[in-house]
Amino acid sequence: MSYQTVSATPLAAVLIEARADNVTADVWLRKNIDKDVADNGPDAEKSIEFYKADELHFVQVGVPTVDEVTAAFDELWEAHEDDELTDAERIDALMAQLKATNAALDDTNAALLEIGDLVGGEE
């Protein structure tokens, strides 16, 4: 599950830290990295710059390189997007996908029936 993260320093799209066992690594993926300013009252000099992003974290077997993770960024994001969801949240997400698929099928069927009526001469 991705979360909104905030940092006082610039954020990299990929961050990898080998764990003490040197067999696994913590991997952070970040999307929508943006620089923003927090207004701390009427004095503009007291405003604070910060960075925010959508962040996803997972533990990887082995210690991949930043280049390897960057090359597979979208696939890794999709694969780990639901890692921290509860079973109930996963079921809800699947049900929402099923509902959207059924709605699309209903639209497709209605369009096909309309085409059939037009080709068959019915109005």
Protein backbone atom coordinates (compact mmCIF):
# COMPACT_ATOMS: atom_id res chain seq x y z
CA MET A 1 0.00 0.00 0.00
CA SER A 2 1.39 3.40 -0.89
CA TYR A 3 1.46 6.30 1.52
CA GLN A 4 2.12 10.02 1.25
CA THR A 5 5.61 10.78 2.53
CA VAL A 6 7.10 14.17 3.35
CA SER A 7 10.78 15.10 3.67
CA ALA A 8 12.85 18.21 4.35
CA THR A 9 15.40 16.92 1.81
CA PRO A 10 14.92 15.98 -1.85
CA LEU A 11 13.45 12.53 -2.42
CA ALA A 12 14.86 9.98 -4.88
CA ALA A 13 12.45 7.85 -6.91
CA VAL A 14 14.29 4.71 -5.73
CA LEU A 15 16.05 4.13 -2.42
CA ILE A 16 17.66 0.83 -1.45
CA GLU A 17 19.23 -0.02 1.90
CA ALA A 18 20.83 -3.41 2.50
CA ARG A 19 19.77 -4.97 5.79
CA ALA A 20 22.30 -6.12 8.39
CA ASP A 21 22.03 -9.72 7.14
CA ASN A 22 23.15 -8.50 3.67
CA VAL A 23 20.71 -11.07 2.23
CA THR A 24 17.71 -8.75 2.00
CA ALA A 25 17.18 -5.06 1.36
CA ASP A 26 14.58 -2.44 2.14
CA VAL A 27 13.34 -0.85 -1.09
CA TRP A 28 11.39 2.40 -1.32
CA LEU A 29 9.67 3.45 -4.54
CA ARG A 30 8.36 7.00 -4.92
CA LYS A 31 6.00 8.52 -7.48
CA ASN A 32 4.67 12.05 -7.95
CA ILE A 33 7.65 13.65 -6.23
CA ASP A 34 6.90 17.33 -5.74
CA LYS A 35 8.54 20.29 -4.02
CA ASP A 36 6.23 22.46 -1.94
CA VAL A 37 6.36 25.29 0.57
CA ALA A 38 4.70 25.41 3.98
CA ASP A 39 3.63 28.88 5.02
CA ASN A 40 4.44 29.49 8.68
CA GLY A 41 2.51 32.65 9.26
CA PRO A 42 2.60 36.10 7.74
CA ASP A 43 6.41 36.28 7.56
CA ALA A 44 7.45 34.84 4.17
CA GLU A 45 10.98 34.24 5.46
CA LYS A 46 9.65 31.62 7.88
CA SER A 47 8.20 29.45 5.11
CA ILE A 48 9.69 25.98 4.85
CA GLU A 49 10.41 24.07 1.66
CA PHE A 50 9.64 20.36 1.71
CA TYR A 51 9.24 17.44 -0.64
CA LYS A 52 6.32 15.05 -0.84
CA ALA A 53 5.63 11.88 -2.81
CA ASP A 54 3.55 8.72 -2.97
CA GLU A 55 5.78 6.07 -1.40
CA LEU A 56 5.74 2.30 -1.34
CA HIS A 57 8.09 0.12 0.76
CA PHE A 58 8.89 -3.57 0.55
CA VAL A 59 11.65 -6.01 1.51
CA GLN A 60 13.53 -7.57 -1.39
CA VAL A 61 15.49 -10.83 -1.24
CA GLY A 62 18.98 -9.94 -2.37
CA VAL A 63 20.33 -6.43 -2.71
CA PRO A 64 19.34 -5.04 -6.11
CA THR A 65 20.96 -2.00 -7.67
CA VAL A 66 19.15 1.29 -8.17
CA ASP A 67 19.39 0.73 -11.94
CA GLU A 68 17.73 -2.72 -11.68
CA VAL A 69 14.89 -1.38 -9.57
CA THR A 70 14.47 1.72 -11.76
CA ALA A 71 14.23 -0.47 -14.88
CA ALA A 72 11.43 -2.51 -13.26
CA PHE A 73 9.82 0.40 -11.37
CA ASP A 74 6.26 0.09 -12.74
CA GLU A 75 6.19 -3.70 -12.43
CA LEU A 76 7.50 -3.56 -8.85
CA TRP A 77 5.01 -0.83 -7.91
CA GLU A 78 2.12 -2.91 -9.24
CA ALA A 79 3.41 -6.12 -7.63
CA HIS A 80 3.77 -4.55 -4.17
CA GLU A 81 0.91 -2.05 -4.22
CA ASP A 82 -1.37 -4.34 -2.20
CA ASP A 83 1.27 -5.81 0.15
CA GLU A 84 -0.04 -4.27 3.36
CA LEU A 85 -3.77 -4.55 2.70
CA THR A 86 -5.85 -6.69 5.00
CA ASP A 87 -7.80 -9.57 3.50
CA ALA A 88 -11.00 -7.52 3.74
CA GLU A 89 -9.36 -4.59 1.91
CA ARG A 90 -8.07 -6.94 -0.81
CA ILE A 91 -11.55 -8.41 -1.25
CA ASP A 92 -13.05 -4.91 -1.44
CA ALA A 93 -10.50 -3.93 -4.10
CA LEU A 94 -11.22 -7.07 -6.12
CA MET A 95 -14.96 -6.49 -5.84
CA ALA A 96 -14.54 -2.92 -7.09
CA GLN A 97 -12.52 -4.21 -10.06
CA LEU A 98 -15.19 -6.82 -10.77
CA LYS A 99 -17.94 -4.19 -10.60
CA ALA A 100 -16.02 -1.94 -13.04
CA THR A 101 -15.44 -4.89 -15.40
CA ASN A 102 -19.14 -5.82 -15.30
CA ALA A 103 -20.13 -2.22 -16.05
CA ALA A 104 -17.77 -2.17 -19.04
CA LEU A 105 -19.20 -5.49 -20.27
CA ASP A 106 -22.74 -4.13 -19.95
CA ASP A 107 -21.76 -1.10 -22.05
CA THR A 108 -20.11 -3.34 -24.65
CA ASN A 109 -23.14 -5.61 -24.84
CA ALA A 110 -25.48 -2.65 -25.24
CA ALA A 111 -23.31 -1.26 -28.04
CA LEU A 112 -23.23 -4.64 -29.78
CA LEU A 113 -27.01 -4.95 -29.55
CA GLU A 114 -27.40 -1.48 -31.02
CA ILE A 115 -25.04 -2.35 -33.89
CA GLY A 116 -26.98 -5.55 -34.45
CA ASP A 117 -30.22 -3.58 -34.64
CA LEU A 118 -28.69 -1.13 -37.12
CA VAL A 119 -27.28 -3.89 -39.32
CA GLY A 120 -30.48 -5.91 -39.08
CA GLY A 121 -32.58 -2.93 -40.09
CA GLU A 122 -34.41 -2.49 -36.80
CA GLU A 123 -34.88 0.97 -35.36
